[in-house]
Protein backbone atom coordinates (compact mmCIF):
# COMPACT_ATOMS: atom_id res chain seq x y z
CA UNK A 1 96.73 109.22 69.06
CA UNK A 2 99.26 108.55 71.82
CA UNK A 3 101.56 111.13 73.32
CA UNK A 4 104.67 110.10 75.19
CA UNK A 5 106.01 112.80 77.48
CA UNK A 6 109.31 112.71 79.30
CA UNK A 7 109.50 115.19 82.16
CA UNK A 8 111.98 116.33 84.74
CA UNK A 9 110.31 118.13 87.62
CA UNK A 10 112.10 119.90 90.45
CA UNK A 11 109.98 121.26 93.29
CA UNK A 12 111.68 123.67 95.68
CA UNK A 13 108.59 124.78 97.55
CA UNK A 14 104.97 123.70 97.40
CA UNK A 15 101.93 125.03 99.23
CA UNK A 16 98.65 123.17 99.29
CA UNK A 17 95.70 125.34 100.25
CA UNK A 18 93.42 122.45 101.15
CA UNK A 19 92.52 118.85 100.41
CA UNK A 20 89.14 117.21 100.72
CA UNK A 21 87.67 113.85 99.81
CA UNK A 22 88.15 113.22 96.10
CA UNK A 23 90.84 115.89 95.80
CA UNK A 24 93.37 115.37 93.02
CA UNK A 25 96.93 116.57 93.56
CA UNK A 26 98.84 116.25 90.31
CA UNK A 27 102.42 116.99 89.42
CA UNK A 28 103.28 116.45 85.77
CA UNK A 29 101.09 115.16 82.97
CA UNK A 30 98.47 112.47 82.96
CA UNK A 31 96.02 111.12 80.45
CA UNK A 32 92.65 110.80 82.13
CA UNK A 33 92.12 111.32 85.83
CA UNK A 34 88.91 109.81 87.13
CA UNK A 35 88.31 111.08 90.67
CA UNK A 36 86.68 108.62 93.02
CA UNK A 37 85.85 108.67 96.70
CA UNK A 38 85.16 105.49 98.63
CA UNK A 39 84.19 105.43 102.30
CA UNK A 40 84.47 102.07 104.03
CA UNK A 41 83.80 100.95 107.57
CA UNK A 42 86.87 98.72 107.69
CA UNK A 43 86.79 98.46 111.48
CA UNK A 44 83.24 97.10 111.59
CA UNK A 45 82.09 99.91 113.92
CA UNK A 46 78.40 99.93 114.80
CA UNK A 47 78.04 103.30 116.59
CA UNK A 48 79.55 106.80 116.34
CA UNK A 49 82.96 107.47 117.86
CA UNK A 50 83.02 108.98 121.36
CA UNK A 51 83.39 112.75 121.75
CA UNK A 52 87.03 113.87 121.57
CA UNK A 53 88.48 115.10 124.85
CA UNK A 54 91.71 116.66 126.01
CA UNK A 55 94.20 114.76 128.21
CA UNK A 56 92.51 116.39 131.24
CA UNK A 57 89.19 114.84 130.26
CA UNK A 58 87.38 118.02 129.21
CA UNK A 59 85.58 117.94 125.84
CA UNK A 60 87.31 119.68 122.94
CA UNK A 61 85.12 122.44 121.46
CA UNK A 62 87.48 123.70 118.71
CA UNK A 63 90.01 122.03 116.40
CA UNK A 64 93.14 120.91 118.24
CA UNK A 65 95.24 122.44 115.43
CA UNK A 66 94.51 126.05 114.44
CA UNK A 67 93.10 126.15 110.92
CA UNK A 68 93.62 129.06 108.55
CA UNK A 69 90.95 130.01 106.03
CA UNK A 70 91.66 129.10 102.44
CA UNK A 71 92.18 131.79 99.83
CA UNK A 72 89.23 132.69 97.59
CA UNK A 73 89.18 130.86 94.27
CA UNK A 74 89.91 134.04 92.28
CA UNK A 75 93.11 134.67 94.31
CA UNK A 76 94.68 131.30 93.52
């Protein structure tokens, strides 16, 4: 059985609590969503990246952008 849905969606404000690998962000209807996560070394790197440092050269210990904790699942 096929369903054909015509939708008009207007979004005035949207807040995304968090996205991770294989996250699915959907607006509207879809048939089957098959999540997939693929990690590729497209640059051909052979060793880990160097430690991040600030413009002054000192190593960065914390995230450069302050991160807020996500809401518990029951509060969403």
